[in-house]
Amino acid sequence: MTNTPCLSTTAPASPSITRWTTSKSFGTTLNNVLTEIALPRTATPSAAATLDFGTVRPDGHGVHIHDKSLAWPEVQSISWKEGLLSSSEAYLMIRRHGGLLAWTKLPIEEVKNYPVLMAIAADMGKAQ
């Protein structure tokens, strides 16, 4: 008698299906997945390379916006906020240590791939 492999009669586990209850939860999940794909594992600004996020251009020395620059030691936080009113736009805010007001505040539409920028800021301890 020959030995034949035993075939399993149990069905494989079905893959889990995620169901989103709101478009906001779907958007959040999609944003997170796309950020993981787009975020290079070594995506920290270096002195030799400037990262391009549209208006915002960080490098190893600091963050540059138009003709303004802020050195990393002076950056207190980078955050994005949604407006308080339904008609208010979302914006990116960069705060300077010791400053009462934001160093800069940009409409989020001017910042390419802002979730990736926020993930890099988080890795640097600058995200709020």
Protein backbone atom coordinates (compact mmCIF):
# COMPACT_ATOMS: atom_id res chain seq x y z
CA MET A 1 0.00 0.00 0.00
CA THR A 2 1.38 3.42 -0.86
CA ASN A 3 1.31 6.36 1.48
CA THR A 4 -0.77 9.15 0.05
CA PRO A 5 -0.94 12.55 1.66
CA CYS A 6 -4.06 13.20 3.64
CA LEU A 7 -6.18 16.01 2.23
CA SER A 8 -7.77 18.36 4.69
CA THR A 9 -11.52 18.53 4.58
CA THR A 10 -11.70 21.83 6.43
CA ALA A 11 -12.19 24.96 4.40
CA PRO A 12 -9.51 27.63 4.59
CA ALA A 13 -10.24 30.55 6.84
CA SER A 14 -12.07 33.27 5.00
CA PRO A 15 -10.24 36.57 4.67
CA SER A 16 -11.50 39.29 6.93
CA ILE A 17 -13.55 41.94 5.25
CA THR A 18 -13.44 45.44 6.59
CA ARG A 19 -16.65 47.38 6.47
CA TRP A 20 -16.54 51.13 6.93
CA THR A 21 -19.48 52.83 8.56
CA THR A 22 -18.62 56.32 7.32
CA SER A 23 -16.76 57.86 4.44
CA LYS A 24 -14.46 59.52 7.00
CA SER A 25 -13.37 56.13 8.42
CA PHE A 26 -12.78 54.85 4.87
CA GLY A 27 -10.74 57.97 4.07
CA THR A 28 -8.68 57.56 7.23
CA THR A 29 -7.92 53.92 6.44
CA LEU A 30 -7.06 54.72 2.83
CA ASN A 31 -4.82 57.59 3.92
CA ASN A 32 -2.97 55.34 6.36
CA VAL A 33 -2.39 52.60 3.78
CA LEU A 34 -1.22 55.02 1.09
CA THR A 35 1.12 56.75 3.55
CA GLU A 36 2.74 53.41 4.41
CA ILE A 37 3.27 52.73 0.72
CA ALA A 38 4.63 56.20 -0.08
CA LEU A 39 6.81 56.64 2.99
CA PRO A 40 10.33 55.48 2.28
CA ARG A 41 11.86 53.69 5.24
CA THR A 42 14.72 56.19 5.32
CA ALA A 43 12.66 59.30 4.63
CA THR A 44 14.26 61.66 7.06
CA PRO A 45 15.51 64.93 5.68
CA SER A 46 19.26 64.96 5.12
CA ALA A 47 21.62 67.83 4.45
CA ALA A 48 22.19 66.50 0.93
CA ALA A 49 18.55 66.06 -0.08
CA THR A 50 15.53 68.30 0.03
CA LEU A 51 12.17 66.54 0.19
CA ASP A 52 9.43 67.97 -2.00
CA PHE A 53 5.99 68.46 -0.47
CA GLY A 54 4.94 71.27 -2.75
CA THR A 55 5.20 74.53 -0.84
CA VAL A 56 6.92 72.79 2.11
CA ARG A 57 10.50 71.64 1.49
CA PRO A 58 12.30 70.07 4.47
CA ASP A 59 15.97 69.15 4.41
CA GLY A 60 18.61 68.29 6.99
CA HIS A 61 18.92 71.90 8.12
CA GLY A 62 15.27 72.77 8.57
CA VAL A 63 12.00 73.43 6.82
CA HIS A 64 11.69 75.90 3.96
CA ILE A 65 8.53 77.59 2.71
CA HIS A 66 8.76 80.07 -0.14
CA ASP A 67 11.59 82.38 0.94
CA LYS A 68 11.40 81.59 4.68
CA SER A 69 13.40 78.96 6.54
CA LEU A 70 13.22 77.58 10.08
CA ALA A 71 16.04 75.42 11.49
CA TRP A 72 14.98 72.08 13.02
CA PRO A 73 16.03 73.05 16.58
CA GLU A 74 13.64 76.01 16.31
CA VAL A 75 10.68 73.91 15.11
CA GLN A 76 8.38 73.20 18.05
CA SER A 77 5.72 71.30 16.12
CA ILE A 78 4.17 70.52 12.76
CA SER A 79 0.47 69.77 12.73
CA TRP A 80 -2.53 69.85 10.49
CA LYS A 81 -5.83 71.17 11.70
CA GLU A 82 -9.35 71.32 10.42
CA GLY A 83 -11.20 74.60 10.61
CA LEU A 84 -13.75 75.12 13.35
CA LEU A 85 -16.53 76.04 10.96
CA SER A 86 -17.84 73.74 8.26
CA SER A 87 -16.73 76.30 5.67
CA SER A 88 -13.22 76.49 7.14
CA GLU A 89 -10.41 74.78 5.30
CA ALA A 90 -7.88 72.35 6.69
CA TYR A 91 -4.39 73.76 7.08
CA LEU A 92 -0.83 72.83 7.99
CA MET A 93 0.64 74.75 10.92
CA ILE A 94 4.31 74.98 11.90
CA ARG A 95 5.06 76.45 15.31
CA ARG A 96 8.37 77.94 16.41
CA HIS A 97 9.73 77.41 19.96
CA GLY A 98 8.77 80.38 22.10
CA GLY A 99 6.39 81.83 19.53
CA LEU A 100 2.85 82.71 20.50
CA LEU A 101 1.58 82.49 16.94
CA ALA A 102 2.24 79.95 14.22
CA TRP A 103 5.45 80.48 12.25
CA THR A 104 3.43 79.57 9.17
CA LYS A 105 -0.04 78.35 8.36
CA LEU A 106 -0.76 76.94 4.89
CA PRO A 107 -3.93 75.60 3.27
CA ILE A 108 -3.54 71.83 3.14
CA GLU A 109 -4.07 71.97 -0.64
CA GLU A 110 -0.63 73.60 -0.97
CA VAL A 111 1.07 70.61 0.69
CA LYS A 112 1.59 67.55 -1.51
CA ASN A 113 1.26 64.22 0.32
CA TYR A 114 0.69 65.86 3.69
CA PRO A 115 0.14 62.48 5.46
CA VAL A 116 3.69 61.48 4.44
CA LEU A 117 5.04 64.82 5.71
CA MET A 118 3.21 64.25 9.00
CA ALA A 119 4.63 60.72 9.30
CA ILE A 120 8.16 62.11 8.82
CA ALA A 121 7.45 64.85 11.38
CA ALA A 122 6.27 62.14 13.80
CA ASP A 123 9.48 60.15 13.27
CA MET A 124 11.44 63.30 14.10
CA GLY A 125 9.35 64.00 17.22
CA LYS A 126 7.90 67.19 15.71
CA ALA A 127 4.32 66.10 14.96
CA GLN A 128 1.56 67.34 17.19
